[in-house]
Amino acid sequence: MTALSVAAPASAQQELPWTEVCRFDDRRLTEISGMAASLMHENVVWVHNDSSDAARLYALDLQTCDTVSELRLRGVQARDFEGLASTRNARGRAALWVGDIGDNRDSWPSVTLHRVWEPKTLGTRSRPVKSWDFTYPDRPHNAETLMVSGRSVWVATWQLATGGVYSVPLRRTVASAERLDDVGPLTTDGSIHPDERGYVLRDYLDVHFYVGLPPGRRVATFALPRQVQGEAITWTSDGTGLLIASEEDDRLLRVDPPWWVLAAMRPPDHLS
């Protein structure tokens, strides 16, 4: 969690239509800050807490918000988990990627990505991970956004003025991320569309839609329903809507972009 020391900018955008999916009642879910749709289990979404928790993920049933799995990351010491993404490798195996990328003081010499294979069966599980360390080309940054497609990884930094979107190479040694473009202030999460036609970034008030993979091109911005400390977003598994959650709200909400936004986010050539 990044505590705001200044007021977030007022949103002047039209608010997207939304519905309440369900409400969390698991007391372990104290500060949801990352979320990704399951690629193995229908109507399931994975979430993680902020730095207040151990190195573990929770799977939630999308009909009830009940916790149906706890996945512990074996051998990992969680410092400040701030991003979660799901993807498949070239062989179709489903993976969950966790970004230990929070750095409220902009001081860590490096930050870490973890990959864990998504379990085929739910319940209480423990799995080994593969990890990669990286740094930024200029100085340490706080980040709350992790996006993954295959083995391509991007993070977006959280900054009061202008953040950046970075490409992160996966190397055996500490890698240096490459800055691709600027992004708006206070970016708290993002998600690649299931068919890779585009992606979204969110801040505390708005969601921004982009064509193509990062850096892409922004095509629309809409206001999100108000949630205090809103930090999590993911596409639904069918790519027709978005799920959002907050550190300070027990509601899981769905928002639906208008048809023309999804049409503008046309699939890339290799998928069309």
C-alpha atoms as a PDB file:
ATOM      1  CA  MET A   1       0.000   0.000   0.000  1.00  0.00           C
ATOM      2  CA  THR A   2       1.193   3.509  -0.780  1.00  0.00           C
ATOM      3  CA  ALA A   3      -0.303   6.092   1.558  1.00  0.00           C
ATOM      4  CA  LEU A   4      -1.341   9.240  -0.265  1.00  0.00           C
ATOM      5  CA  SER A   5       0.242  12.401   1.055  1.00  0.00           C
ATOM      6  CA  VAL A   6      -1.606  14.594  -1.436  1.00  0.00           C
ATOM      7  CA  ALA A   7      -5.143  14.516  -2.736  1.00  0.00           C
ATOM      8  CA  ALA A   8      -5.633  12.446  -5.870  1.00  0.00           C
ATOM      9  CA  PRO A   9      -6.604  14.501  -8.933  1.00  0.00           C
ATOM     10  CA  ALA A  10     -10.312  14.837  -9.488  1.00  0.00           C
ATOM     11  CA  SER A  11     -11.732  12.656 -12.255  1.00  0.00           C
ATOM     12  CA  ALA A  12     -13.590  14.427 -15.033  1.00  0.00           C
ATOM     13  CA  GLN A  13     -14.449  11.265 -16.974  1.00  0.00           C
ATOM     14  CA  GLN A  14     -17.731   9.448 -17.489  1.00  0.00           C
ATOM     15  CA  GLU A  15     -18.106   6.594 -15.000  1.00  0.00           C
ATOM     16  CA  LEU A  16     -18.350   3.073 -16.387  1.00  0.00           C
ATOM     17  CA  PRO A  17     -21.455   1.048 -15.521  1.00  0.00           C
ATOM     18  CA  TRP A  18     -20.762  -1.398 -12.712  1.00  0.00           C
ATOM     19  CA  THR A  19     -22.291  -4.211 -10.701  1.00  0.00           C
ATOM     20  CA  GLU A  20     -21.389  -5.784  -7.385  1.00  0.00           C
ATOM     21  CA  VAL A  21     -20.166  -9.349  -7.935  1.00  0.00           C
ATOM     22  CA  CYS A  22     -19.915 -10.439  -4.300  1.00  0.00           C
ATOM     23  CA  ARG A  23     -18.408  -9.446  -0.951  1.00  0.00           C
ATOM     24  CA  PHE A  24     -15.322 -10.777   0.802  1.00  0.00           C
ATOM     25  CA  ASP A  25     -15.743 -12.161   4.311  1.00  0.00           C
ATOM     26  CA  ASP A  26     -12.359 -13.892   4.741  1.00  0.00           C
ATOM     27  CA  ARG A  27     -10.559 -11.979   7.497  1.00  0.00           C
ATOM     28  CA  ARG A  28      -7.224 -12.829   5.890  1.00  0.00           C
ATOM     29  CA  LEU A  29      -8.087 -10.546   2.963  1.00  0.00           C
ATOM     30  CA  THR A  30      -7.095  -7.328   4.667  1.00  0.00           C
ATOM     31  CA  GLU A  31      -5.461  -5.304   1.851  1.00  0.00           C
ATOM     32  CA  ILE A  32      -6.112  -6.684  -1.619  1.00  0.00           C
ATOM     33  CA  SER A  33      -3.643  -5.035  -3.973  1.00  0.00           C
ATOM     34  CA  GLY A  34      -3.196  -7.552  -6.797  1.00  0.00           C
ATOM     35  CA  MET A  35      -5.642  -9.680  -8.776  1.00  0.00           C
ATOM     36  CA  ALA A  36      -5.556 -12.004 -11.807  1.00  0.00           C
ATOM     37  CA  ALA A  37      -8.115 -14.291 -13.411  1.00  0.00           C
ATOM     38  CA  SER A  38      -7.397 -18.024 -13.122  1.00  0.00           C
ATOM     39  CA  LEU A  39      -6.454 -19.806 -16.346  1.00  0.00           C
ATOM     40  CA  MET A  40      -7.052 -23.257 -14.841  1.00  0.00           C
ATOM     41  CA  HIS A  41     -10.315 -22.896 -12.946  1.00  0.00           C
ATOM     42  CA  GLU A  42     -13.592 -21.456 -14.216  1.00  0.00           C
ATOM     43  CA  ASN A  43     -15.080 -18.530 -12.256  1.00  0.00           C
ATOM     44  CA  VAL A  44     -12.005 -18.189 -10.050  1.00  0.00           C
ATOM     45  CA  VAL A  45      -9.753 -15.201  -9.481  1.00  0.00           C
ATOM     46  CA  TRP A  46      -6.427 -15.066  -7.607  1.00  0.00           C
ATOM     47  CA  VAL A  47      -5.589 -12.195  -5.243  1.00  0.00           C
ATOM     48  CA  HIS A  48      -2.871 -11.212  -2.816  1.00  0.00           C
ATOM     49  CA  ASN A  49      -2.590  -8.812   0.078  1.00  0.00           C
ATOM     50  CA  ASP A  50      -0.201  -5.929   0.435  1.00  0.00           C
ATOM     51  CA  SER A  51       2.941  -6.055   2.576  1.00  0.00           C
ATOM     52  CA  SER A  52       0.919  -7.039   5.648  1.00  0.00           C
ATOM     53  CA  ASP A  53       0.808 -10.721   4.605  1.00  0.00           C
ATOM     54  CA  ALA A  54       3.079 -13.704   4.081  1.00  0.00           C
ATOM     55  CA  ALA A  55       4.123 -14.959   0.636  1.00  0.00           C
ATOM     56  CA  ARG A  56       0.791 -16.451  -0.355  1.00  0.00           C
ATOM     57  CA  LEU A  57      -2.012 -16.096  -2.875  1.00  0.00           C
ATOM     58  CA  TYR A  58      -5.721 -16.727  -2.425  1.00  0.00           C
ATOM     59  CA  ALA A  59      -8.176 -18.104  -4.985  1.00  0.00           C
ATOM     60  CA  LEU A  60     -11.720 -16.728  -4.760  1.00  0.00           C
ATOM     61  CA  ASP A  61     -14.951 -18.142  -6.134  1.00  0.00           C
ATOM     62  CA  LEU A  62     -16.484 -15.428  -8.322  1.00  0.00           C
ATOM     63  CA  GLN A  63     -20.042 -16.364  -7.411  1.00  0.00           C
ATOM     64  CA  THR A  64     -19.619 -16.068  -3.650  1.00  0.00           C
ATOM     65  CA  CYS A  65     -16.193 -14.453  -3.018  1.00  0.00           C
ATOM     66  CA  ASP A  66     -15.419 -17.481  -0.821  1.00  0.00           C
ATOM     67  CA  THR A  67     -11.742 -18.395  -0.530  1.00  0.00           C
ATOM     68  CA  VAL A  68     -11.296 -21.768  -2.261  1.00  0.00           C
ATOM     69  CA  SER A  69      -7.498 -22.023  -2.202  1.00  0.00           C
ATOM     70  CA  GLU A  70      -4.443 -20.719  -0.399  1.00  0.00           C
ATOM     71  CA  LEU A  71      -1.205 -21.026  -2.364  1.00  0.00           C
ATOM     72  CA  ARG A  72       2.034 -20.509  -0.454  1.00  0.00           C
ATOM     73  CA  LEU A  73       5.141 -19.508  -2.402  1.00  0.00           C
ATOM     74  CA  ARG A  74       7.805 -21.841  -1.095  1.00  0.00           C
ATOM     75  CA  GLY A  75      11.090 -20.254  -0.040  1.00  0.00           C
ATOM     76  CA  VAL A  76       9.869 -16.681  -0.653  1.00  0.00           C
ATOM     77  CA  GLN A  77      10.055 -13.830   1.848  1.00  0.00           C
ATOM     78  CA  ALA A  78       7.368 -11.323   0.880  1.00  0.00           C
ATOM     79  CA  ARG A  79       8.652  -7.777   1.156  1.00  0.00           C
ATOM     80  CA  ASP A  80       5.913  -5.766  -0.565  1.00  0.00           C
ATOM     81  CA  PHE A  81       3.773  -7.716  -3.045  1.00  0.00           C
ATOM     82  CA  GLU A  82       2.120  -5.208  -5.381  1.00  0.00           C
ATOM     83  CA  GLY A  83       1.265  -6.950  -8.654  1.00  0.00           C
ATOM     84  CA  LEU A  84      -0.232 -10.199  -9.940  1.00  0.00           C
ATOM     85  CA  ALA A  85      -0.685 -11.558 -13.470  1.00  0.00           C
ATOM     86  CA  SER A  86      -1.646 -14.861 -15.088  1.00  0.00           C
ATOM     87  CA  THR A  87      -0.370 -16.222 -18.384  1.00  0.00           C
ATOM     88  CA  ARG A  88       0.479 -19.418 -20.265  1.00  0.00           C
ATOM     89  CA  ASN A  89       3.867 -20.529 -21.493  1.00  0.00           C
ATOM     90  CA  ALA A  90       4.576 -21.778 -25.027  1.00  0.00           C
ATOM     91  CA  ARG A  91       3.351 -25.262 -24.043  1.00  0.00           C
ATOM     92  CA  GLY A  92       0.102 -23.919 -22.627  1.00  0.00           C
ATOM     93  CA  ARG A  93       0.986 -24.335 -18.957  1.00  0.00           C
ATOM     94  CA  ALA A  94      -0.696 -21.749 -16.722  1.00  0.00           C
ATOM     95  CA  ALA A  95       1.471 -19.599 -14.484  1.00  0.00           C
ATOM     96  CA  LEU A  96       0.929 -16.898 -11.886  1.00  0.00           C
ATOM     97  CA  TRP A  97       3.438 -14.051 -11.737  1.00  0.00           C
ATOM     98  CA  VAL A  98       3.887 -12.052  -8.545  1.00  0.00           C
ATOM     99  CA  GLY A  99       5.638  -8.694  -8.391  1.00  0.00           C
ATOM    100  CA  ASP A 100       7.473  -7.958  -5.151  1.00  0.00           C
ATOM    101  CA  ILE A 101       7.918  -4.458  -6.544  1.00  0.00           C
ATOM    102  CA  GLY A 102       6.552  -2.131  -3.882  1.00  0.00           C
ATOM    103  CA  ASP A 103       9.116   0.396  -2.651  1.00  0.00           C
ATOM    104  CA  ASN A 104       7.415   3.234  -0.781  1.00  0.00           C
ATOM    105  CA  ARG A 105      10.717   4.945  -0.006  1.00  0.00           C
ATOM    106  CA  ASP A 106      12.220   4.478  -3.501  1.00  0.00           C
ATOM    107  CA  SER A 107      15.219   2.863  -1.857  1.00  0.00           C
ATOM    108  CA  TRP A 108      15.559  -0.854  -2.703  1.00  0.00           C
ATOM    109  CA  PRO A 109      18.644  -1.618  -4.829  1.00  0.00           C
ATOM    110  CA  SER A 110      16.573  -4.217  -6.729  1.00  0.00           C
ATOM    111  CA  VAL A 111      13.086  -5.717  -6.762  1.00  0.00           C
ATOM    112  CA  THR A 112      11.862  -9.205  -7.623  1.00  0.00           C
ATOM    113  CA  LEU A 113       9.466 -11.115  -9.864  1.00  0.00           C
ATOM    114  CA  HIS A 114       8.254 -14.603  -8.930  1.00  0.00           C
ATOM    115  CA  ARG A 115       6.642 -17.191 -11.203  1.00  0.00           C
ATOM    116  CA  VAL A 116       4.662 -20.114  -9.775  1.00  0.00           C
ATOM    117  CA  TRP A 117       2.743 -22.710 -11.779  1.00  0.00           C
ATOM    118  CA  GLU A 118      -0.964 -22.498 -11.126  1.00  0.00           C
ATOM    119  CA  PRO A 119      -2.129 -25.615  -9.236  1.00  0.00           C
ATOM    120  CA  LYS A 120      -4.468 -27.989 -11.045  1.00  0.00           C
ATOM    121  CA  THR A 121      -6.421 -28.629  -7.861  1.00  0.00           C
ATOM    122  CA  LEU A 122      -7.533 -26.049  -5.323  1.00  0.00           C
ATOM    123  CA  GLY A 123      -7.265 -26.149  -1.532  1.00  0.00           C
ATOM    124  CA  THR A 124      -4.209 -25.451   0.610  1.00  0.00           C
ATOM    125  CA  ARG A 125      -1.115 -25.759  -1.548  1.00  0.00           C
ATOM    126  CA  SER A 126       2.607 -24.937  -1.460  1.00  0.00           C
ATOM    127  CA  ARG A 127       4.670 -24.583  -4.625  1.00  0.00           C
ATOM    128  CA  PRO A 128       8.280 -23.686  -5.487  1.00  0.00           C
ATOM    129  CA  VAL A 129       8.867 -20.540  -7.542  1.00  0.00           C
ATOM    130  CA  LYS A 130      11.350 -19.194 -10.039  1.00  0.00           C
ATOM    131  CA  SER A 131      12.511 -15.655  -9.331  1.00  0.00           C
ATOM    132  CA  TRP A 132      14.181 -12.828 -11.227  1.00  0.00           C
ATOM    133  CA  ASP A 133      15.667  -9.624  -9.804  1.00  0.00           C
ATOM    134  CA  PHE A 134      15.716  -6.333 -11.674  1.00  0.00           C
ATOM    135  CA  THR A 135      16.413  -2.669 -11.195  1.00  0.00           C
ATOM    136  CA  TYR A 136      15.619   0.549 -13.031  1.00  0.00           C
ATOM    137  CA  PRO A 137      17.990   2.416 -15.356  1.00  0.00           C
ATOM    138  CA  ASP A 138      17.987   5.647 -13.325  1.00  0.00           C
ATOM    139  CA  ARG A 139      17.087   5.061  -9.667  1.00  0.00           C
ATOM    140  CA  PRO A 140      14.791   2.910  -7.483  1.00  0.00           C
ATOM    141  CA  HIS A 141      11.049   3.393  -7.988  1.00  0.00           C
ATOM    142  CA  ASN A 142       7.883   2.335  -6.234  1.00  0.00           C
ATOM    143  CA  ALA A 143       5.678   0.213  -8.514  1.00  0.00           C
ATOM    144  CA  GLU A 144       2.275  -1.405  -8.068  1.00  0.00           C
ATOM    145  CA  THR A 145       1.574  -2.711 -11.571  1.00  0.00           C
ATOM    146  CA  LEU A 146       2.729  -5.970 -13.150  1.00  0.00           C
ATOM    147  CA  MET A 147       1.645  -7.158 -16.603  1.00  0.00           C
ATOM    148  CA  VAL A 148       2.782 -10.337 -18.350  1.00  0.00           C
ATOM    149  CA  SER A 149       2.244 -11.919 -21.775  1.00  0.00           C
ATOM    150  CA  GLY A 150       4.089 -15.183 -22.319  1.00  0.00           C
ATOM    151  CA  ARG A 151       7.603 -14.331 -21.121  1.00  0.00           C
ATOM    152  CA  SER A 152       7.272 -10.601 -21.797  1.00  0.00           C
ATOM    153  CA  VAL A 153       7.014  -8.645 -18.551  1.00  0.00           C
ATOM    154  CA  TRP A 154       6.155  -4.999 -17.905  1.00  0.00           C
ATOM    155  CA  VAL A 155       5.846  -2.898 -14.780  1.00  0.00           C
ATOM    156  CA  ALA A 156       4.410   0.577 -14.367  1.00  0.00           C
ATOM    157  CA  THR A 157       5.688   2.817 -11.594  1.00  0.00           C
ATOM    158  CA  TRP A 158       3.619   4.718  -9.036  1.00  0.00           C
ATOM    159  CA  GLN A 159       4.625   8.383  -8.935  1.00  0.00           C
ATOM    160  CA  LEU A 160       2.895  11.604  -7.984  1.00  0.00           C
ATOM    161  CA  ALA A 161       3.613  13.429 -11.233  1.00  0.00           C
ATOM    162  CA  THR A 162       4.408  11.066 -14.109  1.00  0.00           C
ATOM    163  CA  GLY A 163       5.166   7.381 -13.861  1.00  0.00           C
ATOM    164  CA  GLY A 164       6.748   5.126 -16.446  1.00  0.00           C
ATOM    165  CA  VAL A 165       6.044   1.793 -18.097  1.00  0.00           C
ATOM    166  CA  TYR A 166       9.105  -0.461 -18.259  1.00  0.00           C
ATOM    167  CA  SER A 167       9.979  -3.673 -20.051  1.00  0.00           C
ATOM    168  CA  VAL A 168      11.714  -6.147 -17.729  1.00  0.00           C
ATOM    169  CA  PRO A 169      14.126  -8.727 -19.214  1.00  0.00           C
ATOM    170  CA  LEU A 170      14.299 -12.107 -17.467  1.00  0.00           C
ATOM    171  CA  ARG A 171      17.952 -12.900 -16.832  1.00  0.00           C
ATOM    172  CA  ARG A 172      19.958 -14.994 -14.403  1.00  0.00           C
ATOM    173  CA  THR A 173      21.695 -11.908 -13.075  1.00  0.00           C
ATOM    174  CA  VAL A 174      20.093  -8.657 -11.928  1.00  0.00           C
ATOM    175  CA  ALA A 175      18.611  -7.080 -15.063  1.00  0.00           C
ATOM    176  CA  SER A 176      17.995  -3.429 -15.855  1.00  0.00           C
ATOM    177  CA  ALA A 177      14.465  -2.589 -16.985  1.00  0.00           C
ATOM    178  CA  GLU A 178      13.981  -0.424 -20.077  1.00  0.00           C
ATOM    179  CA  ARG A 179      11.693   2.609 -19.893  1.00  0.00           C
ATOM    180  CA  LEU A 180       9.251   2.530 -22.804  1.00  0.00           C
ATOM    181  CA  ASP A 181       6.982   5.515 -22.182  1.00  0.00           C
ATOM    182  CA  ASP A 182       5.389   7.775 -19.605  1.00  0.00           C
ATOM    183  CA  VAL A 183       2.177   6.872 -17.803  1.00  0.00           C
ATOM    184  CA  GLY A 184      -0.052   8.957 -15.611  1.00  0.00           C
ATOM    185  CA  PRO A 185       0.390   9.528 -11.884  1.00  0.00           C
ATOM    186  CA  LEU A 186      -0.600   7.137  -9.093  1.00  0.00           C
ATOM    187  CA  THR A 187      -0.878   4.023 -11.283  1.00  0.00           C
ATOM    188  CA  THR A 188      -1.956   1.172  -9.001  1.00  0.00           C
ATOM    189  CA  ASP A 189      -2.508  -1.827 -11.319  1.00  0.00           C
ATOM    190  CA  GLY A 190      -2.903  -3.035 -14.886  1.00  0.00           C
ATOM    191  CA  SER A 191      -3.934  -6.059 -16.921  1.00  0.00           C
ATOM    192  CA  ILE A 192      -3.325  -7.446 -20.421  1.00  0.00           C
ATOM    193  CA  HIS A 193      -6.489  -8.379 -22.351  1.00  0.00           C
ATOM    194  CA  PRO A 194      -6.877 -12.183 -22.668  1.00  0.00           C
ATOM    195  CA  ASP A 195      -6.364 -12.088 -26.446  1.00  0.00           C
ATOM    196  CA  GLU A 196      -3.572  -9.480 -26.160  1.00  0.00           C
ATOM    197  CA  ARG A 197      -5.498  -6.881 -28.157  1.00  0.00           C
ATOM    198  CA  GLY A 198      -4.574  -4.267 -25.556  1.00  0.00           C
ATOM    199  CA  TYR A 199      -4.330  -3.574 -21.868  1.00  0.00           C
ATOM    200  CA  VAL A 200      -5.599  -1.341 -19.097  1.00  0.00           C
ATOM    201  CA  LEU A 201      -3.958   0.716 -16.388  1.00  0.00           C
ATOM    202  CA  ARG A 202      -5.828   2.036 -13.371  1.00  0.00           C
ATOM    203  CA  ASP A 203      -5.205   4.654 -10.734  1.00  0.00           C
ATOM    204  CA  TYR A 204      -7.311   5.459  -7.692  1.00  0.00           C
ATOM    205  CA  LEU A 205     -10.079   7.057  -9.762  1.00  0.00           C
ATOM    206  CA  ASP A 206      -9.840   6.120 -13.443  1.00  0.00           C
ATOM    207  CA  VAL A 207      -9.121   3.284 -15.871  1.00  0.00           C
ATOM    208  CA  HIS A 208      -7.152   3.864 -19.081  1.00  0.00           C
ATOM    209  CA  PHE A 209      -7.539   1.617 -22.157  1.00  0.00           C
ATOM    210  CA  TYR A 210      -4.640   0.962 -24.547  1.00  0.00           C
ATOM    211  CA  VAL A 211      -4.403  -0.713 -27.960  1.00  0.00           C
ATOM    212  CA  GLY A 212      -1.618  -3.283 -28.342  1.00  0.00           C
ATOM    213  CA  LEU A 213       0.940  -4.491 -25.835  1.00  0.00           C
ATOM    214  CA  PRO A 214       2.920  -1.952 -23.780  1.00  0.00           C
ATOM    215  CA  PRO A 215       3.617   0.814 -24.481  1.00  0.00           C
ATOM    216  CA  GLY A 216       0.660   0.691 -26.892  1.00  0.00           C
ATOM    217  CA  ARG A 217      -1.599   3.647 -27.584  1.00  0.00           C
ATOM    218  CA  ARG A 218      -4.233   5.016 -25.231  1.00  0.00           C
ATOM    219  CA  VAL A 219      -7.730   5.071 -26.731  1.00  0.00           C
ATOM    220  CA  ALA A 220     -10.034   5.937 -23.817  1.00  0.00           C
ATOM    221  CA  THR A 221     -10.241   6.885 -20.147  1.00  0.00           C
ATOM    222  CA  PHE A 222     -13.232   6.353 -17.862  1.00  0.00           C
ATOM    223  CA  ALA A 223     -13.958   6.936 -14.203  1.00  0.00           C
ATOM    224  CA  LEU A 224     -14.191   3.895 -11.961  1.00  0.00           C
ATOM    225  CA  PRO A 225     -16.770   3.481  -9.197  1.00  0.00           C
ATOM    226  CA  ARG A 226     -15.402   5.041  -6.042  1.00  0.00           C
ATOM    227  CA  GLN A 227     -13.514   2.691  -3.742  1.00  0.00           C
ATOM    228  CA  VAL A 228     -11.102   3.923  -1.103  1.00  0.00           C
ATOM    229  CA  GLN A 229      -7.550   2.841  -1.956  1.00  0.00           C
ATOM    230  CA  GLY A 230      -8.572   1.026  -5.158  1.00  0.00           C
ATOM    231  CA  GLU A 231      -5.507  -0.969  -6.211  1.00  0.00           C
ATOM    232  CA  ALA A 232      -6.515  -4.121  -8.114  1.00  0.00           C
ATOM    233  CA  ILE A 233      -7.858  -4.765 -11.621  1.00  0.00           C
ATOM    234  CA  THR A 234      -8.069  -7.719 -13.999  1.00  0.00           C
ATOM    235  CA  TRP A 235      -9.967  -8.617 -17.142  1.00  0.00           C
ATOM    236  CA  THR A 236     -12.667 -11.234 -16.843  1.00  0.00           C
ATOM    237  CA  SER A 237     -11.628 -14.538 -18.412  1.00  0.00           C
ATOM    238  CA  ASP A 238     -13.778 -13.853 -21.505  1.00  0.00           C
ATOM    239  CA  GLY A 239     -12.362 -10.340 -21.938  1.00  0.00           C
ATOM    240  CA  THR A 240     -15.737  -8.576 -21.915  1.00  0.00           C
ATOM    241  CA  GLY A 241     -15.385  -6.765 -18.587  1.00  0.00           C
ATOM    242  CA  LEU A 242     -13.074  -5.847 -15.753  1.00  0.00           C
ATOM    243  CA  LEU A 243     -13.007  -6.818 -12.086  1.00  0.00           C
ATOM    244  CA  ILE A 244     -11.784  -4.304  -9.520  1.00  0.00           C
ATOM    245  CA  ALA A 245     -11.069  -4.465  -5.808  1.00  0.00           C
ATOM    246  CA  SER A 246      -9.844  -2.161  -3.069  1.00  0.00           C
ATOM    247  CA  GLU A 247      -7.753  -2.387   0.070  1.00  0.00           C
ATOM    248  CA  GLU A 248     -10.500  -0.625   2.029  1.00  0.00           C
ATOM    249  CA  ASP A 249     -13.700  -2.125   0.560  1.00  0.00           C
ATOM    250  CA  ASP A 250     -15.138  -5.642   0.910  1.00  0.00           C
ATOM    251  CA  ARG A 251     -16.858  -5.499  -2.495  1.00  0.00           C
ATOM    252  CA  LEU A 252     -15.635  -7.143  -5.684  1.00  0.00           C
ATOM    253  CA  LEU A 253     -17.023  -5.045  -8.545  1.00  0.00           C
ATOM    254  CA  ARG A 254     -17.372  -5.614 -12.261  1.00  0.00           C
ATOM    255  CA  VAL A 255     -17.173  -2.702 -14.719  1.00  0.00           C
ATOM    256  CA  ASP A 256     -18.112  -2.952 -18.377  1.00  0.00           C
ATOM    257  CA  PRO A 257     -16.415  -0.882 -21.083  1.00  0.00           C
ATOM    258  CA  PRO A 258     -18.592   0.246 -24.008  1.00  0.00           C
ATOM    259  CA  TRP A 259     -18.536  -1.811 -27.188  1.00  0.00           C
ATOM    260  CA  TRP A 260     -16.569   0.771 -29.130  1.00  0.00           C
ATOM    261  CA  VAL A 261     -13.656   0.602 -26.688  1.00  0.00           C
ATOM    262  CA  LEU A 262     -13.351  -3.161 -27.117  1.00  0.00           C
ATOM    263  CA  ALA A 263     -13.686  -2.686 -30.891  1.00  0.00           C
ATOM    264  CA  ALA A 264     -10.931  -0.065 -30.865  1.00  0.00           C
ATOM    265  CA  MET A 265      -8.698  -2.503 -28.989  1.00  0.00           C
ATOM    266  CA  ARG A 266      -8.523  -4.689 -32.079  1.00  0.00           C
ATOM    267  CA  PRO A 267      -6.469  -7.873 -31.920  1.00  0.00           C
ATOM    268  CA  PRO A 268      -2.874  -7.651 -33.171  1.00  0.00           C
ATOM    269  CA  ASP A 269      -2.128  -8.985 -36.653  1.00  0.00           C
ATOM    270  CA  HIS A 270      -0.843 -12.365 -35.484  1.00  0.00           C
ATOM    271  CA  LEU A 271      -4.115 -13.041 -33.650  1.00  0.00           C
ATOM    272  CA  SER A 272      -6.631 -11.573 -36.087  1.00  0.00           C
END
